[in-house]
Every structure is written in structure tokens, then in C-alpha cells.
């Protein structure tokens, strides 16, 4: 005879309770590296979160490379503009 209060012990796979399987799966998922290394956003965060995958690390590296060349171009344009304005004013 099965009691109604022991439903979690009756439903299961090969005699293992459903509650045990849920606890086991949650504990295994919490130790997976792609989930445990993920970062959470912070208030007033300016930059990217810490990368959890190599693809995101590549995106961050690409962002840094593009930003470096953009700053080099910006400095050259400002220099040419300032030089032109200085020499054309006389």
C-alpha cells in the first residue's frame, strides 16, 4: 500500500526518488564551468562583463583593437585640423 505523503519516494527511476534526482541535477549544474564562471551586471557598469566563453573573449579583444585604431585616427584628425587652423589663421 502506498501512502499519499510519500509521493516523491514512489515516483522515480529504478527506485531512486524524484527529489534525489532533482537535488543531484541541481548540484551538478551548479558546478559546471560555463555557468559558474558567468558574471552578473553591476549598477552603472561601463565595460563588458567578465567573459565566460572564448568567443566573448574574442569579441572583447576585437573591441579593444577597434577602439585603439579609432583613437589613433581621432588624434591624427584633430592634429591635422589644429595645424590647418593655426597655419590658415595667419
N, C-alpha and C. Protein backbone atom coordinates (compact mmCIF):
# COMPACT_ATOMS: atom_id res chain seq x y z
N UNK A 1 0.83 -1.17 0.00
CA UNK A 1 0.00 0.00 0.00
C UNK A 1 0.88 1.24 0.00
N UNK A 2 0.52 2.22 -0.82
CA UNK A 2 1.30 3.43 -0.97
C UNK A 2 0.60 4.56 -0.24
N UNK A 3 1.35 5.27 0.60
CA UNK A 3 0.78 6.41 1.29
C UNK A 3 0.86 7.64 0.40
N UNK A 4 -0.04 8.57 0.56
CA UNK A 4 -0.11 9.78 -0.26
C UNK A 4 1.02 10.75 0.04
N UNK A 5 1.54 10.75 1.26
CA UNK A 5 2.57 11.71 1.63
C UNK A 5 3.95 11.31 1.10
N UNK A 6 4.13 10.08 0.66
CA UNK A 6 5.43 9.64 0.16
C UNK A 6 5.43 9.56 -1.37
N UNK A 7 4.83 10.54 -2.01
CA UNK A 7 4.75 10.56 -3.47
C UNK A 7 6.12 10.73 -4.10
N UNK A 8 6.98 11.51 -3.46
CA UNK A 8 8.31 11.72 -4.04
C UNK A 8 9.16 10.46 -3.97
N UNK A 9 8.85 9.55 -3.05
CA UNK A 9 9.60 8.31 -2.97
C UNK A 9 9.08 7.27 -3.94
N UNK A 10 7.81 7.39 -4.33
CA UNK A 10 7.22 6.42 -5.24
C UNK A 10 7.60 6.72 -6.68
N UNK A 11 7.53 8.00 -7.09
CA UNK A 11 7.87 8.37 -8.47
C UNK A 11 9.38 8.48 -8.57
N UNK A 12 9.95 7.73 -9.46
CA UNK A 12 11.39 7.78 -9.62
C UNK A 12 11.85 6.81 -10.67
N UNK A 13 13.16 6.71 -10.83
CA UNK A 13 13.75 5.84 -11.83
C UNK A 13 14.54 4.76 -11.09
N UNK A 14 14.16 3.52 -11.30
CA UNK A 14 14.84 2.37 -10.71
C UNK A 14 14.99 2.48 -9.20
N UNK A 15 13.96 2.94 -8.53
CA UNK A 15 13.99 3.01 -7.08
C UNK A 15 14.61 4.28 -6.52
N UNK A 16 15.10 5.20 -7.37
CA UNK A 16 15.68 6.46 -6.90
C UNK A 16 14.57 7.50 -6.88
N UNK A 17 14.46 8.23 -5.82
CA UNK A 17 13.35 9.17 -5.68
C UNK A 17 13.54 10.38 -6.60
N UNK A 18 12.44 11.00 -6.92
CA UNK A 18 12.45 12.18 -7.77
C UNK A 18 13.14 13.35 -7.07
N UNK A 19 12.92 13.47 -5.78
CA UNK A 19 13.57 14.54 -5.01
C UNK A 19 15.09 14.40 -5.06
N UNK A 20 15.59 13.18 -4.94
CA UNK A 20 17.03 12.94 -5.01
C UNK A 20 17.57 13.31 -6.39
N UNK A 21 16.83 12.95 -7.45
CA UNK A 21 17.28 13.29 -8.80
C UNK A 21 17.32 14.79 -9.03
N UNK A 22 16.34 15.51 -8.49
CA UNK A 22 16.33 16.97 -8.64
C UNK A 22 17.51 17.58 -7.90
N UNK A 23 17.76 17.16 -6.69
CA UNK A 23 18.89 17.69 -5.92
C UNK A 23 20.22 17.35 -6.60
N UNK A 24 20.33 16.14 -7.11
CA UNK A 24 21.55 15.74 -7.79
C UNK A 24 21.78 16.56 -9.05
N UNK A 25 20.73 16.77 -9.85
CA UNK A 25 20.90 17.53 -11.08
C UNK A 25 21.22 19.00 -10.79
N UNK A 26 20.61 19.58 -9.76
CA UNK A 26 20.92 20.96 -9.41
C UNK A 26 22.35 21.11 -8.90
N UNK A 27 22.83 20.15 -8.15
CA UNK A 27 24.20 20.24 -7.66
C UNK A 27 25.21 20.04 -8.78
N UNK A 28 24.90 19.21 -9.76
CA UNK A 28 25.81 19.02 -10.91
C UNK A 28 25.82 20.27 -11.77
N UNK A 29 24.65 20.86 -12.02
CA UNK A 29 24.57 22.07 -12.85
C UNK A 29 25.31 23.23 -12.20
N UNK A 30 25.28 23.32 -10.88
CA UNK A 30 25.94 24.45 -10.21
C UNK A 30 27.46 24.37 -10.30
N UNK A 31 28.02 23.20 -10.60
CA UNK A 31 29.46 23.08 -10.70
C UNK A 31 29.98 23.08 -12.14
N UNK A 32 29.10 23.26 -13.11
CA UNK A 32 29.55 23.33 -14.49
C UNK A 32 30.31 24.64 -14.71
N UNK A 33 31.44 24.60 -15.42
CA UNK A 33 32.26 25.81 -15.52
C UNK A 33 31.61 26.93 -16.32
N UNK A 34 30.82 26.63 -17.35
CA UNK A 34 30.27 27.72 -18.14
C UNK A 34 29.16 28.45 -17.40
N UNK A 35 28.62 27.87 -16.37
CA UNK A 35 27.61 28.55 -15.58
C UNK A 35 28.25 29.23 -14.37
N UNK A 36 29.19 28.58 -13.73
CA UNK A 36 29.77 29.14 -12.52
C UNK A 36 30.74 30.28 -12.80
N UNK A 37 31.29 30.38 -14.02
CA UNK A 37 32.20 31.47 -14.34
C UNK A 37 31.49 32.69 -14.90
N UNK A 38 30.20 32.60 -15.13
CA UNK A 38 29.46 33.72 -15.69
C UNK A 38 29.39 34.85 -14.67
N UNK A 39 29.43 36.07 -15.18
CA UNK A 39 29.42 37.24 -14.32
C UNK A 39 28.06 37.92 -14.40
N UNK A 40 27.74 38.71 -13.44
CA UNK A 40 26.47 39.43 -13.42
C UNK A 40 26.72 40.91 -13.63
N UNK A 41 25.79 41.62 -14.26
CA UNK A 41 25.98 43.06 -14.44
C UNK A 41 25.88 43.80 -13.11
N UNK A 42 26.57 44.92 -13.04
CA UNK A 42 26.54 45.75 -11.85
C UNK A 42 25.88 47.08 -12.20
N UNK A 43 25.43 47.78 -11.18
CA UNK A 43 24.83 49.09 -11.40
C UNK A 43 25.88 50.06 -11.95
N UNK A 44 25.52 50.83 -12.93
CA UNK A 44 26.36 51.83 -13.58
C UNK A 44 27.62 51.21 -14.18
N UNK A 45 27.52 50.01 -14.66
CA UNK A 45 28.66 49.33 -15.28
C UNK A 45 28.93 49.93 -16.65
N UNK A 46 30.20 50.25 -16.93
CA UNK A 46 30.57 50.88 -18.19
C UNK A 46 31.08 49.85 -19.19
N UNK A 47 31.94 48.95 -18.77
CA UNK A 47 32.55 47.99 -19.67
C UNK A 47 31.76 46.69 -19.79
N UNK A 48 32.40 45.73 -20.45
CA UNK A 48 31.79 44.42 -20.61
C UNK A 48 31.87 43.64 -19.30
N UNK A 49 31.04 42.60 -19.19
CA UNK A 49 31.16 41.67 -18.09
C UNK A 49 32.38 40.79 -18.33
N UNK A 50 32.81 40.08 -17.31
CA UNK A 50 33.91 39.14 -17.48
C UNK A 50 33.46 38.05 -18.45
N UNK A 51 34.31 37.70 -19.43
CA UNK A 51 33.89 36.72 -20.43
C UNK A 51 33.79 35.32 -19.83
N UNK A 52 32.74 34.61 -20.25
CA UNK A 52 32.54 33.24 -19.79
C UNK A 52 32.90 32.24 -20.88
N UNK A 53 33.07 32.70 -22.12
CA UNK A 53 33.42 31.81 -23.23
C UNK A 53 34.56 32.42 -24.03
N UNK A 54 35.27 31.60 -24.79
CA UNK A 54 36.34 32.13 -25.64
C UNK A 54 35.81 33.07 -26.73
N UNK A 55 34.59 32.86 -27.17
CA UNK A 55 34.01 33.74 -28.19
C UNK A 55 33.84 35.15 -27.62
N UNK A 56 33.33 35.25 -26.41
CA UNK A 56 33.16 36.57 -25.80
C UNK A 56 34.50 37.22 -25.54
N UNK A 57 35.51 36.44 -25.20
CA UNK A 57 36.86 37.00 -25.02
C UNK A 57 37.37 37.57 -26.35
N UNK A 58 37.08 36.88 -27.45
CA UNK A 58 37.46 37.39 -28.76
C UNK A 58 36.72 38.67 -29.11
N UNK A 59 35.44 38.77 -28.75
CA UNK A 59 34.67 39.99 -29.01
C UNK A 59 35.25 41.15 -28.21
N UNK A 60 35.62 40.91 -26.98
CA UNK A 60 36.21 41.97 -26.15
C UNK A 60 37.56 42.40 -26.72
N UNK A 61 38.38 41.44 -27.16
CA UNK A 61 39.67 41.78 -27.77
C UNK A 61 39.48 42.58 -29.05
N UNK A 62 38.50 42.20 -29.87
CA UNK A 62 38.20 42.95 -31.09
C UNK A 62 37.75 44.38 -30.74
N UNK A 63 36.95 44.53 -29.71
CA UNK A 63 36.51 45.85 -29.27
C UNK A 63 37.71 46.71 -28.88
N UNK A 64 38.65 46.13 -28.14
CA UNK A 64 39.83 46.89 -27.73
C UNK A 64 40.69 47.28 -28.93
N UNK A 65 40.85 46.38 -29.89
CA UNK A 65 41.65 46.68 -31.08
C UNK A 65 41.00 47.80 -31.91
N UNK A 66 39.69 47.69 -32.12
CA UNK A 66 38.99 48.72 -32.90
C UNK A 66 39.06 50.07 -32.19
N UNK A 67 38.91 50.06 -30.87
CA UNK A 67 38.94 51.30 -30.12
C UNK A 67 40.33 51.94 -30.18
N UNK A 68 41.40 51.15 -30.16
CA UNK A 68 42.76 51.67 -30.26
C UNK A 68 42.96 52.39 -31.59
N UNK A 69 42.58 51.73 -32.70
CA UNK A 69 42.77 52.35 -34.00
C UNK A 69 41.86 53.57 -34.18
N UNK A 70 40.68 53.53 -33.58
CA UNK A 70 39.79 54.69 -33.64
C UNK A 70 40.41 55.88 -32.92
N UNK A 71 41.07 55.65 -31.80
CA UNK A 71 41.73 56.74 -31.08
C UNK A 71 42.92 57.28 -31.86
N UNK A 72 43.67 56.40 -32.52
CA UNK A 72 44.80 56.85 -33.35
C UNK A 72 44.29 57.74 -34.47
N UNK A 73 43.24 57.34 -35.14
CA UNK A 73 42.67 58.14 -36.23
C UNK A 73 42.13 59.46 -35.68
N UNK A 74 41.49 59.44 -34.53
CA UNK A 74 40.96 60.66 -33.93
C UNK A 74 42.08 61.65 -33.60
N UNK A 75 43.16 61.16 -33.04
CA UNK A 75 44.29 62.05 -32.71
C UNK A 75 44.88 62.63 -33.98
N UNK A 76 45.03 61.85 -35.05
CA UNK A 76 45.58 62.38 -36.30
C UNK A 76 44.66 63.43 -36.93
N UNK A 77 43.35 63.19 -36.89
CA UNK A 77 42.41 64.16 -37.46
C UNK A 77 42.42 65.45 -36.65
N UNK A 78 42.45 65.36 -35.33
CA UNK A 78 42.50 66.57 -34.51
C UNK A 78 43.81 67.32 -34.74
N UNK A 79 44.91 66.59 -34.89
CA UNK A 79 46.20 67.23 -35.16
C UNK A 79 46.17 67.96 -36.50
N UNK A 80 45.64 67.29 -37.54
CA UNK A 80 45.57 67.94 -38.85
C UNK A 80 44.64 69.15 -38.82
N UNK A 81 43.53 69.06 -38.12
CA UNK A 81 42.60 70.18 -38.02
C UNK A 81 43.23 71.36 -37.28
N UNK A 82 43.89 71.08 -36.17
CA UNK A 82 44.54 72.15 -35.40
C UNK A 82 45.67 72.78 -36.20
N UNK A 83 46.45 71.98 -36.90
CA UNK A 83 47.56 72.51 -37.71
C UNK A 83 47.03 73.36 -38.84
N UNK A 84 45.95 72.92 -39.49
CA UNK A 84 45.36 73.67 -40.59
C UNK A 84 44.79 75.01 -40.09
N UNK A 85 44.08 74.97 -38.98
CA UNK A 85 43.52 76.20 -38.44
C UNK A 85 44.62 77.17 -37.96
N UNK A 86 45.69 76.65 -37.43
CA UNK A 86 46.78 77.51 -36.96
C UNK A 86 47.50 78.17 -38.14
N UNK A 87 47.80 77.42 -39.18
CA UNK A 87 48.54 77.97 -40.32
C UNK A 87 47.67 78.83 -41.23
N UNK A 88 46.37 78.59 -41.30
CA UNK A 88 45.49 79.38 -42.17
C UNK A 88 45.04 80.67 -41.49
N UNK A 89 45.25 80.79 -40.19
CA UNK A 89 44.80 81.98 -39.49
C UNK A 89 45.76 83.16 -39.72
N UNK A 90 46.99 82.92 -40.18
CA UNK A 90 47.96 83.99 -40.41
C UNK A 90 48.03 84.38 -41.85
